[in-house]
N, C-alpha and C. Protein backbone atom coordinates (compact mmCIF):
# COMPACT_ATOMS: atom_id res chain seq x y z
N MET A 1 139.16 141.72 -52.70
CA MET A 1 139.02 143.04 -53.30
C MET A 1 137.79 143.72 -52.70
N ILE A 2 137.90 145.01 -52.48
CA ILE A 2 136.77 145.81 -52.02
C ILE A 2 136.09 146.42 -53.23
N ILE A 3 134.76 146.36 -53.24
CA ILE A 3 133.96 146.93 -54.33
C ILE A 3 133.03 147.97 -53.73
N LEU A 4 133.01 149.15 -54.33
CA LEU A 4 132.05 150.19 -53.97
C LEU A 4 130.89 150.11 -54.96
N ALA A 5 129.70 149.81 -54.44
CA ALA A 5 128.51 149.64 -55.29
C ALA A 5 127.84 150.99 -55.52
N SER A 6 128.61 151.94 -56.04
CA SER A 6 128.12 153.30 -56.25
C SER A 6 128.89 153.96 -57.38
N ALA A 7 128.20 154.75 -58.18
CA ALA A 7 128.85 155.50 -59.25
C ALA A 7 129.24 156.91 -58.80
N SER A 8 128.95 157.26 -57.55
CA SER A 8 129.19 158.62 -57.07
C SER A 8 130.68 158.95 -57.04
N PRO A 9 131.08 160.01 -57.74
CA PRO A 9 132.49 160.42 -57.69
C PRO A 9 132.89 160.90 -56.29
N ARG A 10 131.93 161.44 -55.55
CA ARG A 10 132.23 161.88 -54.18
C ARG A 10 132.52 160.69 -53.28
N ARG A 11 131.73 159.63 -53.40
CA ARG A 11 131.97 158.44 -52.59
C ARG A 11 133.30 157.78 -52.96
N LYS A 12 133.60 157.76 -54.24
CA LYS A 12 134.88 157.19 -54.69
C LYS A 12 136.04 157.95 -54.03
N GLU A 13 135.97 159.26 -54.06
CA GLU A 13 137.02 160.08 -53.45
C GLU A 13 137.11 159.83 -51.95
N LEU A 14 135.97 159.73 -51.27
CA LEU A 14 135.99 159.52 -49.83
C LEU A 14 136.46 158.12 -49.46
N LEU A 15 136.07 157.11 -50.23
CA LEU A 15 136.54 155.75 -49.93
C LEU A 15 138.05 155.65 -50.07
N SER A 16 138.63 156.45 -50.96
CA SER A 16 140.10 156.43 -51.12
C SER A 16 140.82 156.95 -49.88
N LEU A 17 140.09 157.60 -48.96
CA LEU A 17 140.70 158.01 -47.70
C LEU A 17 140.92 156.85 -46.75
N ILE A 18 140.18 155.74 -46.96
CA ILE A 18 140.32 154.62 -46.04
C ILE A 18 140.85 153.34 -46.68
N CYS A 19 140.87 153.24 -48.00
CA CYS A 19 141.52 152.10 -48.63
C CYS A 19 142.10 152.52 -49.98
N ASP A 20 143.27 151.98 -50.27
CA ASP A 20 143.99 152.39 -51.47
C ASP A 20 143.48 151.73 -52.75
N SER A 21 142.98 150.52 -52.61
CA SER A 21 142.62 149.76 -53.80
C SER A 21 141.18 149.27 -53.68
N PHE A 22 140.37 149.62 -54.67
CA PHE A 22 139.00 149.14 -54.72
C PHE A 22 138.48 149.31 -56.14
N LYS A 23 137.39 148.59 -56.42
CA LYS A 23 136.74 148.69 -57.72
C LYS A 23 135.39 149.39 -57.55
N ILE A 24 134.94 149.99 -58.62
CA ILE A 24 133.62 150.62 -58.65
C ILE A 24 132.72 149.75 -59.53
N ILE A 25 131.66 149.23 -58.94
CA ILE A 25 130.65 148.51 -59.70
C ILE A 25 129.29 148.98 -59.20
N PRO A 26 128.70 149.96 -59.89
CA PRO A 26 127.41 150.48 -59.43
C PRO A 26 126.32 149.40 -59.43
N ALA A 27 125.50 149.44 -58.41
CA ALA A 27 124.38 148.51 -58.32
C ALA A 27 123.26 148.97 -59.24
N ASN A 28 122.63 148.02 -59.88
CA ASN A 28 121.49 148.32 -60.74
C ASN A 28 120.26 147.73 -60.07
N ILE A 29 119.63 148.51 -59.20
CA ILE A 29 118.47 148.02 -58.46
C ILE A 29 117.27 148.94 -58.67
N ASP A 30 116.11 148.40 -58.39
CA ASP A 30 114.89 149.19 -58.37
C ASP A 30 114.83 149.85 -57.00
N GLU A 31 114.83 151.18 -56.95
CA GLU A 31 114.84 151.88 -55.66
C GLU A 31 113.45 152.23 -55.17
N THR A 32 112.44 151.55 -55.69
CA THR A 32 111.08 151.75 -55.21
C THR A 32 110.98 151.18 -53.79
N ILE A 33 110.39 151.96 -52.91
CA ILE A 33 110.26 151.56 -51.51
C ILE A 33 108.80 151.26 -51.21
N ASP A 34 108.55 150.09 -50.62
CA ASP A 34 107.17 149.81 -50.22
C ASP A 34 106.89 150.48 -48.88
N GLY A 35 105.66 150.46 -48.47
CA GLY A 35 105.25 151.16 -47.25
C GLY A 35 105.71 150.52 -45.96
N ASN A 36 106.41 149.39 -46.04
CA ASN A 36 106.85 148.69 -44.83
C ASN A 36 108.16 149.22 -44.27
N VAL A 37 108.83 150.11 -44.98
CA VAL A 37 110.12 150.64 -44.53
C VAL A 37 109.89 152.01 -43.89
N ASN A 38 110.35 152.16 -42.66
CA ASN A 38 110.26 153.44 -41.95
C ASN A 38 110.99 154.51 -42.77
N LEU A 39 110.45 155.70 -42.83
CA LEU A 39 111.02 156.79 -43.61
C LEU A 39 112.52 156.97 -43.36
N TYR A 40 112.92 157.02 -42.09
CA TYR A 40 114.31 157.30 -41.76
C TYR A 40 115.23 156.09 -41.92
N ASP A 41 114.64 154.93 -42.22
CA ASP A 41 115.42 153.71 -42.47
C ASP A 41 115.68 153.48 -43.96
N ILE A 42 115.11 154.32 -44.81
CA ILE A 42 115.23 154.12 -46.26
C ILE A 42 116.69 154.10 -46.74
N PRO A 43 117.56 155.04 -46.32
CA PRO A 43 118.94 154.98 -46.82
C PRO A 43 119.66 153.67 -46.48
N GLU A 44 119.48 153.18 -45.25
CA GLU A 44 120.13 151.92 -44.88
C GLU A 44 119.52 150.74 -45.65
N PHE A 45 118.21 150.75 -45.82
CA PHE A 45 117.53 149.71 -46.60
C PHE A 45 118.09 149.66 -48.02
N LEU A 46 118.18 150.83 -48.67
CA LEU A 46 118.70 150.88 -50.03
C LEU A 46 120.18 150.50 -50.10
N ALA A 47 120.95 150.89 -49.09
CA ALA A 47 122.37 150.51 -49.05
C ALA A 47 122.51 148.98 -49.01
N ARG A 48 121.68 148.33 -48.22
CA ARG A 48 121.71 146.86 -48.16
C ARG A 48 121.32 146.25 -49.50
N GLN A 49 120.29 146.82 -50.13
CA GLN A 49 119.86 146.31 -51.44
C GLN A 49 120.99 146.42 -52.47
N LYS A 50 121.66 147.56 -52.48
CA LYS A 50 122.75 147.78 -53.44
C LYS A 50 123.92 146.84 -53.18
N ALA A 51 124.33 146.74 -51.92
CA ALA A 51 125.46 145.87 -51.58
C ALA A 51 125.14 144.41 -51.90
N GLU A 52 123.94 143.98 -51.56
CA GLU A 52 123.56 142.59 -51.81
C GLU A 52 123.53 142.28 -53.30
N ALA A 53 123.00 143.18 -54.11
CA ALA A 53 122.91 142.96 -55.56
C ALA A 53 124.30 142.76 -56.17
N VAL A 54 125.25 143.60 -55.78
CA VAL A 54 126.60 143.48 -56.33
C VAL A 54 127.32 142.27 -55.73
N TYR A 55 127.09 142.00 -54.45
CA TYR A 55 127.73 140.86 -53.79
C TYR A 55 127.32 139.53 -54.43
N LYS A 56 126.07 139.43 -54.86
CA LYS A 56 125.61 138.20 -55.52
C LYS A 56 126.42 137.91 -56.78
N LEU A 57 126.89 138.96 -57.45
CA LEU A 57 127.70 138.80 -58.66
C LEU A 57 129.18 138.65 -58.35
N HIS A 58 129.60 139.04 -57.14
CA HIS A 58 131.01 139.02 -56.75
C HIS A 58 131.15 138.48 -55.32
N PRO A 59 130.79 137.20 -55.10
CA PRO A 59 130.74 136.65 -53.74
C PRO A 59 132.10 136.47 -53.06
N ASP A 60 133.18 136.61 -53.79
CA ASP A 60 134.51 136.48 -53.18
C ASP A 60 135.08 137.82 -52.74
N ASP A 61 134.31 138.88 -52.94
CA ASP A 61 134.79 140.22 -52.63
C ASP A 61 134.02 140.81 -51.45
N ILE A 62 134.49 141.95 -50.98
CA ILE A 62 133.79 142.73 -49.96
C ILE A 62 133.10 143.88 -50.69
N VAL A 63 131.80 144.01 -50.49
CA VAL A 63 131.03 145.01 -51.22
C VAL A 63 130.45 146.02 -50.23
N ILE A 64 130.62 147.30 -50.57
CA ILE A 64 130.08 148.39 -49.77
C ILE A 64 128.97 149.07 -50.57
N GLY A 65 127.79 149.10 -49.98
CA GLY A 65 126.66 149.81 -50.58
C GLY A 65 126.33 151.03 -49.73
N CYS A 66 125.89 152.10 -50.37
CA CYS A 66 125.59 153.35 -49.66
C CYS A 66 124.38 154.03 -50.28
N ASP A 67 123.69 154.78 -49.46
CA ASP A 67 122.62 155.63 -49.95
C ASP A 67 122.46 156.79 -48.98
N THR A 68 122.27 157.99 -49.51
CA THR A 68 122.12 159.18 -48.67
C THR A 68 120.77 159.82 -48.93
N GLY A 69 120.10 160.17 -47.84
CA GLY A 69 118.83 160.86 -47.95
C GLY A 69 118.85 162.15 -47.16
N VAL A 70 118.11 163.12 -47.65
CA VAL A 70 117.93 164.41 -46.96
C VAL A 70 116.48 164.44 -46.48
N PHE A 71 116.30 164.75 -45.21
CA PHE A 71 114.97 164.69 -44.60
C PHE A 71 114.62 166.02 -43.95
N VAL A 72 113.44 166.53 -44.29
CA VAL A 72 112.94 167.76 -43.68
C VAL A 72 111.42 167.67 -43.64
N ASP A 73 110.84 168.18 -42.56
CA ASP A 73 109.38 168.19 -42.40
C ASP A 73 108.77 166.80 -42.64
N ASN A 74 109.42 165.78 -42.07
CA ASN A 74 108.94 164.39 -42.18
C ASN A 74 108.78 163.89 -43.61
N GLN A 75 109.67 164.36 -44.49
CA GLN A 75 109.71 163.82 -45.84
C GLN A 75 111.14 163.68 -46.32
N MET A 76 111.35 162.73 -47.22
CA MET A 76 112.68 162.51 -47.80
C MET A 76 112.76 163.31 -49.10
N ILE A 77 113.83 164.09 -49.22
CA ILE A 77 114.05 164.95 -50.39
C ILE A 77 115.10 164.29 -51.28
N GLY A 78 114.74 164.00 -52.49
CA GLY A 78 115.67 163.37 -53.41
C GLY A 78 116.43 164.39 -54.23
N LYS A 79 116.93 163.94 -55.36
CA LYS A 79 117.62 164.82 -56.29
C LYS A 79 116.57 165.58 -57.10
N PRO A 80 116.80 166.85 -57.36
CA PRO A 80 115.83 167.60 -58.15
C PRO A 80 115.79 167.11 -59.59
N LYS A 81 114.60 167.08 -60.16
CA LYS A 81 114.45 166.64 -61.55
C LYS A 81 114.49 167.82 -62.54
N SER A 82 114.49 169.03 -61.99
CA SER A 82 114.54 170.23 -62.84
C SER A 82 115.08 171.38 -62.00
N GLU A 83 115.43 172.47 -62.68
CA GLU A 83 115.88 173.65 -61.95
C GLU A 83 114.77 174.20 -61.07
N LYS A 84 113.55 174.15 -61.57
CA LYS A 84 112.40 174.61 -60.78
C LYS A 84 112.28 173.78 -59.49
N ALA A 85 112.45 172.47 -59.60
CA ALA A 85 112.39 171.60 -58.41
C ALA A 85 113.53 171.93 -57.45
N ALA A 86 114.72 172.23 -57.99
CA ALA A 86 115.86 172.60 -57.13
C ALA A 86 115.54 173.87 -56.35
N VAL A 87 114.93 174.84 -57.00
CA VAL A 87 114.55 176.09 -56.32
C VAL A 87 113.57 175.79 -55.19
N GLU A 88 112.57 174.95 -55.47
CA GLU A 88 111.57 174.62 -54.45
C GLU A 88 112.20 173.89 -53.26
N ILE A 89 113.11 172.98 -53.53
CA ILE A 89 113.80 172.26 -52.45
C ILE A 89 114.60 173.23 -51.59
N LEU A 90 115.35 174.11 -52.22
CA LEU A 90 116.18 175.07 -51.47
C LEU A 90 115.32 176.03 -50.66
N LYS A 91 114.17 176.41 -51.19
CA LYS A 91 113.23 177.25 -50.42
C LYS A 91 112.76 176.49 -49.18
N MET A 92 112.51 175.20 -49.34
CA MET A 92 112.05 174.37 -48.24
C MET A 92 113.13 174.25 -47.14
N LEU A 93 114.40 174.19 -47.55
CA LEU A 93 115.51 174.04 -46.60
C LEU A 93 115.92 175.38 -45.98
N SER A 94 115.62 176.47 -46.63
CA SER A 94 116.03 177.80 -46.19
C SER A 94 115.61 178.10 -44.75
N GLY A 95 116.60 178.47 -43.94
CA GLY A 95 116.34 178.86 -42.56
C GLY A 95 115.99 177.72 -41.63
N LYS A 96 116.09 176.49 -42.10
CA LYS A 96 115.71 175.32 -41.30
C LYS A 96 116.89 174.40 -41.06
N THR A 97 116.69 173.51 -40.09
CA THR A 97 117.62 172.41 -39.86
C THR A 97 117.00 171.16 -40.45
N HIS A 98 117.80 170.42 -41.19
CA HIS A 98 117.35 169.15 -41.75
C HIS A 98 118.34 168.05 -41.39
N ARG A 99 117.94 166.82 -41.61
CA ARG A 99 118.81 165.67 -41.34
C ARG A 99 119.33 165.10 -42.65
N VAL A 100 120.60 164.74 -42.63
CA VAL A 100 121.18 163.96 -43.72
C VAL A 100 121.50 162.59 -43.12
N ILE A 101 120.93 161.56 -43.71
CA ILE A 101 121.16 160.20 -43.23
C ILE A 101 121.80 159.40 -44.34
N THR A 102 122.97 158.85 -44.05
CA THR A 102 123.63 157.95 -44.98
C THR A 102 123.58 156.55 -44.40
N GLY A 103 123.05 155.65 -45.19
CA GLY A 103 123.06 154.24 -44.83
C GLY A 103 124.21 153.56 -45.54
N CYS A 104 124.88 152.66 -44.83
CA CYS A 104 125.98 151.89 -45.40
C CYS A 104 125.76 150.42 -45.10
N ALA A 105 126.18 149.57 -46.02
CA ALA A 105 126.10 148.13 -45.83
C ALA A 105 127.39 147.51 -46.34
N ILE A 106 127.87 146.51 -45.60
CA ILE A 106 129.09 145.79 -45.98
C ILE A 106 128.72 144.31 -46.10
N TYR A 107 128.91 143.77 -47.29
CA TYR A 107 128.67 142.34 -47.52
C TYR A 107 130.00 141.69 -47.85
N GLY A 108 130.22 140.48 -47.32
CA GLY A 108 131.43 139.73 -47.65
C GLY A 108 132.40 139.58 -46.50
N LYS A 109 132.00 140.01 -45.32
CA LYS A 109 132.84 139.84 -44.11
C LYS A 109 132.01 139.07 -43.08
N GLY A 110 131.61 137.86 -43.44
CA GLY A 110 130.74 137.11 -42.55
C GLY A 110 129.32 137.62 -42.71
N GLU A 111 128.62 137.78 -41.60
CA GLU A 111 127.25 138.32 -41.66
C GLU A 111 127.28 139.75 -42.19
N PRO A 112 126.32 140.11 -43.04
CA PRO A 112 126.27 141.50 -43.53
C PRO A 112 126.16 142.48 -42.36
N ILE A 113 126.80 143.63 -42.52
CA ILE A 113 126.79 144.69 -41.52
C ILE A 113 126.11 145.89 -42.18
N SER A 114 125.22 146.55 -41.44
CA SER A 114 124.68 147.80 -41.97
C SER A 114 124.48 148.78 -40.82
N PHE A 115 124.54 150.06 -41.16
CA PHE A 115 124.35 151.11 -40.16
C PHE A 115 123.94 152.39 -40.86
N SER A 116 123.41 153.31 -40.08
CA SER A 116 123.06 154.64 -40.58
C SER A 116 123.77 155.69 -39.74
N LYS A 117 124.15 156.76 -40.37
CA LYS A 117 124.77 157.90 -39.69
C LYS A 117 123.89 159.12 -39.96
N VAL A 118 123.63 159.90 -38.91
CA VAL A 118 122.77 161.08 -39.03
C VAL A 118 123.58 162.34 -38.75
N THR A 119 123.46 163.33 -39.60
CA THR A 119 124.07 164.64 -39.39
C THR A 119 122.97 165.69 -39.57
N GLU A 120 122.93 166.65 -38.66
CA GLU A 120 121.97 167.75 -38.79
C GLU A 120 122.65 168.92 -39.47
N VAL A 121 121.97 169.50 -40.44
CA VAL A 121 122.50 170.61 -41.22
C VAL A 121 121.52 171.78 -41.11
N GLU A 122 122.02 172.94 -40.71
CA GLU A 122 121.18 174.13 -40.62
C GLU A 122 121.56 175.09 -41.74
N PHE A 123 120.57 175.49 -42.51
CA PHE A 123 120.76 176.46 -43.59
C PHE A 123 120.53 177.88 -43.06
N TYR A 124 121.25 178.82 -43.64
CA TYR A 124 120.91 180.23 -43.44
C TYR A 124 119.56 180.48 -44.11
N LYS A 125 118.90 181.56 -43.74
CA LYS A 125 117.72 182.01 -44.46
C LYS A 125 118.22 182.52 -45.81
N LEU A 126 117.73 181.94 -46.89
CA LEU A 126 118.25 182.25 -48.22
C LEU A 126 117.32 183.21 -48.97
N SER A 127 117.92 184.16 -49.66
CA SER A 127 117.13 185.07 -50.50
C SER A 127 116.82 184.38 -51.83
N GLU A 128 115.84 184.91 -52.53
CA GLU A 128 115.50 184.40 -53.86
C GLU A 128 116.73 184.47 -54.78
N THR A 129 117.49 185.56 -54.67
CA THR A 129 118.67 185.73 -55.51
C THR A 129 119.73 184.67 -55.19
N GLU A 130 119.97 184.42 -53.90
CA GLU A 130 120.94 183.38 -53.53
C GLU A 130 120.54 182.03 -54.10
N ILE A 131 119.27 181.71 -53.97
CA ILE A 131 118.78 180.43 -54.47
C ILE A 131 118.94 180.36 -55.98
N ARG A 132 118.48 181.38 -56.68
CA ARG A 132 118.56 181.39 -58.15
C ARG A 132 120.02 181.29 -58.62
N ASP A 133 120.90 182.10 -58.01
CA ASP A 133 122.31 182.08 -58.41
C ASP A 133 122.94 180.71 -58.19
N TYR A 134 122.59 180.07 -57.07
CA TYR A 134 123.16 178.75 -56.80
C TYR A 134 122.62 177.71 -57.79
N VAL A 135 121.34 177.74 -58.04
CA VAL A 135 120.76 176.77 -58.98
C VAL A 135 121.38 176.95 -60.37
N GLU A 136 121.65 178.20 -60.76
CA GLU A 136 122.24 178.46 -62.08
C GLU A 136 123.65 177.90 -62.22
N THR A 137 124.32 177.56 -61.12
CA THR A 137 125.64 176.92 -61.22
C THR A 137 125.53 175.49 -61.74
N GLY A 138 124.34 174.91 -61.64
CA GLY A 138 124.15 173.52 -62.05
C GLY A 138 124.50 172.51 -60.96
N GLU A 139 125.16 172.97 -59.92
CA GLU A 139 125.63 172.05 -58.87
C GLU A 139 124.51 171.26 -58.18
N PRO A 140 123.35 171.86 -57.94
CA PRO A 140 122.32 171.13 -57.19
C PRO A 140 121.69 169.94 -57.93
N MET A 141 121.89 169.84 -59.23
CA MET A 141 121.08 168.94 -60.02
C MET A 141 121.33 167.45 -59.79
N ASP A 142 122.48 167.06 -59.31
CA ASP A 142 122.72 165.62 -59.11
C ASP A 142 122.90 165.27 -57.63
N LYS A 143 122.31 166.09 -56.75
CA LYS A 143 122.53 165.90 -55.32
C LYS A 143 121.21 165.85 -54.56
N ALA A 144 121.11 164.87 -53.68
CA ALA A 144 119.95 164.80 -52.79
C ALA A 144 119.89 166.10 -51.99
N GLY A 145 118.71 166.67 -51.89
CA GLY A 145 118.57 167.93 -51.17
C GLY A 145 118.95 169.14 -51.99
N ALA A 146 119.39 168.95 -53.21
CA ALA A 146 119.71 170.03 -54.15
C ALA A 146 120.87 170.92 -53.69
N TYR A 147 121.83 170.34 -52.94
CA TYR A 147 123.02 171.12 -52.61
C TYR A 147 124.20 170.18 -52.37
N GLY A 148 125.39 170.74 -52.55
CA GLY A 148 126.63 170.02 -52.26
C GLY A 148 127.41 170.80 -51.22
N ILE A 149 127.54 170.25 -50.02
CA ILE A 149 128.25 170.93 -48.94
C ILE A 149 129.72 171.13 -49.31
N GLN A 150 130.27 170.23 -50.12
CA GLN A 150 131.69 170.28 -50.48
C GLN A 150 131.97 171.25 -51.62
N GLY A 151 130.94 171.87 -52.15
CA GLY A 151 131.11 172.80 -53.26
C GLY A 151 130.54 174.16 -52.92
N LYS A 152 129.99 174.80 -53.93
CA LYS A 152 129.42 176.14 -53.75
C LYS A 152 128.27 176.16 -52.75
N GLY A 153 127.61 175.02 -52.58
CA GLY A 153 126.51 174.91 -51.62
C GLY A 153 126.96 175.08 -50.18
N GLY A 154 128.25 174.97 -49.93
CA GLY A 154 128.77 175.15 -48.57
C GLY A 154 128.47 176.53 -48.00
N VAL A 155 128.31 177.55 -48.86
CA VAL A 155 128.05 178.90 -48.38
C VAL A 155 126.60 179.10 -47.92
N LEU A 156 125.75 178.11 -48.17
CA LEU A 156 124.35 178.18 -47.75
C LEU A 156 124.16 177.70 -46.31
N ILE A 157 125.20 177.06 -45.78
CA ILE A 157 125.08 176.33 -44.52
C ILE A 157 125.58 177.15 -43.34
N LYS A 158 124.72 177.29 -42.35
CA LYS A 158 125.05 178.01 -41.14
C LYS A 158 125.88 177.15 -40.20
N GLN A 159 125.45 175.89 -40.01
CA GLN A 159 126.23 174.98 -39.16
C GLN A 159 125.79 173.55 -39.40
N ILE A 160 126.68 172.62 -38.99
CA ILE A 160 126.31 171.21 -38.99
C ILE A 160 126.60 170.63 -37.61
N ARG A 161 125.83 169.63 -37.27
CA ARG A 161 126.05 168.87 -36.04
C ARG A 161 126.20 167.41 -36.45
N GLY A 162 127.44 166.96 -36.40
CA GLY A 162 127.71 165.58 -36.80
C GLY A 162 128.86 165.51 -37.79
N ASP A 163 128.86 164.45 -38.56
CA ASP A 163 129.94 164.09 -39.46
C ASP A 163 129.81 164.82 -40.81
N TYR A 164 130.77 165.68 -41.10
CA TYR A 164 130.79 166.41 -42.38
C TYR A 164 130.78 165.45 -43.56
N PHE A 165 131.63 164.42 -43.50
CA PHE A 165 131.74 163.49 -44.63
C PHE A 165 130.43 162.74 -44.87
N ASN A 166 129.65 162.55 -43.83
CA ASN A 166 128.34 161.93 -43.97
C ASN A 166 127.45 162.77 -44.90
N VAL A 167 127.54 164.07 -44.80
CA VAL A 167 126.75 164.96 -45.65
C VAL A 167 127.24 164.87 -47.10
N VAL A 168 128.52 164.70 -47.29
CA VAL A 168 129.07 164.53 -48.64
C VAL A 168 128.60 163.21 -49.24
N GLY A 169 128.41 162.18 -48.38
CA GLY A 169 127.87 160.93 -48.88
C GLY A 169 128.49 159.65 -48.37
N LEU A 170 129.48 159.75 -47.46
CA LEU A 170 130.11 158.53 -46.93
C LEU A 170 130.73 158.84 -45.57
N PRO A 171 130.18 158.26 -44.50
CA PRO A 171 130.75 158.49 -43.16
C PRO A 171 132.04 157.69 -42.99
N VAL A 172 133.15 158.25 -43.44
CA VAL A 172 134.40 157.50 -43.57
C VAL A 172 134.94 156.94 -42.26
N ALA A 173 134.87 157.70 -41.17
CA ALA A 173 135.44 157.22 -39.91
C ALA A 173 134.70 155.98 -39.42
N GLU A 174 133.38 156.03 -39.40
CA GLU A 174 132.62 154.88 -38.93
C GLU A 174 132.74 153.71 -39.90
N LEU A 175 132.71 153.99 -41.20
CA LEU A 175 132.86 152.92 -42.19
C LEU A 175 134.20 152.21 -42.03
N LYS A 176 135.27 152.97 -41.82
CA LYS A 176 136.58 152.35 -41.63
C LYS A 176 136.58 151.41 -40.44
N ARG A 177 135.98 151.84 -39.35
CA ARG A 177 135.94 151.00 -38.15
C ARG A 177 135.14 149.72 -38.38
N LYS A 178 134.06 149.81 -39.11
CA LYS A 178 133.25 148.62 -39.40
C LYS A 178 133.95 147.72 -40.41
N LEU A 179 134.60 148.31 -41.38
CA LEU A 179 135.25 147.55 -42.44
C LEU A 179 136.46 146.77 -41.93
N TYR A 180 137.21 147.38 -41.03
CA TYR A 180 138.46 146.76 -40.56
C TYR A 180 138.39 146.26 -39.13
N ARG A 181 137.20 145.95 -38.64
CA ARG A 181 137.06 145.45 -37.26
C ARG A 181 137.52 144.03 -37.15
């Protein structure tokens, strides 16, 4: 059985594009990062932690762990903790290109496999009104970087370079190739 170690409804939907049957068992880990992990390696590090934690409880299964980070100006942007924080994040992304990095880990197919996928996302220059109106939809509140490319946040984006699904939260094409190799 394949297990997705994530509670994300977006990841669940995307994983269904590559396998018909799987279980959802979110990992319960401490996501505190010590200073020994390179900034851009954090999503893959956390993906391995999540997959390993669930795999220890289900060693007869294949476990997929994932983590997505948004990076701009040499910092990782998490999920906003308030509407005010969402506004500040969107101001920071406005008119800039940022990186979305999704780390994936697969445990239960011999040696653990992990990889990261990088997609560059360029935002339009956003007005205060655009930012406020978008934040008022509530959509930014549960998303790293305070936007959802697959929803209303898609209108903020000028262009992407790389895998669209990676920005949503799961690089399905590469994951399929690693999972079924």
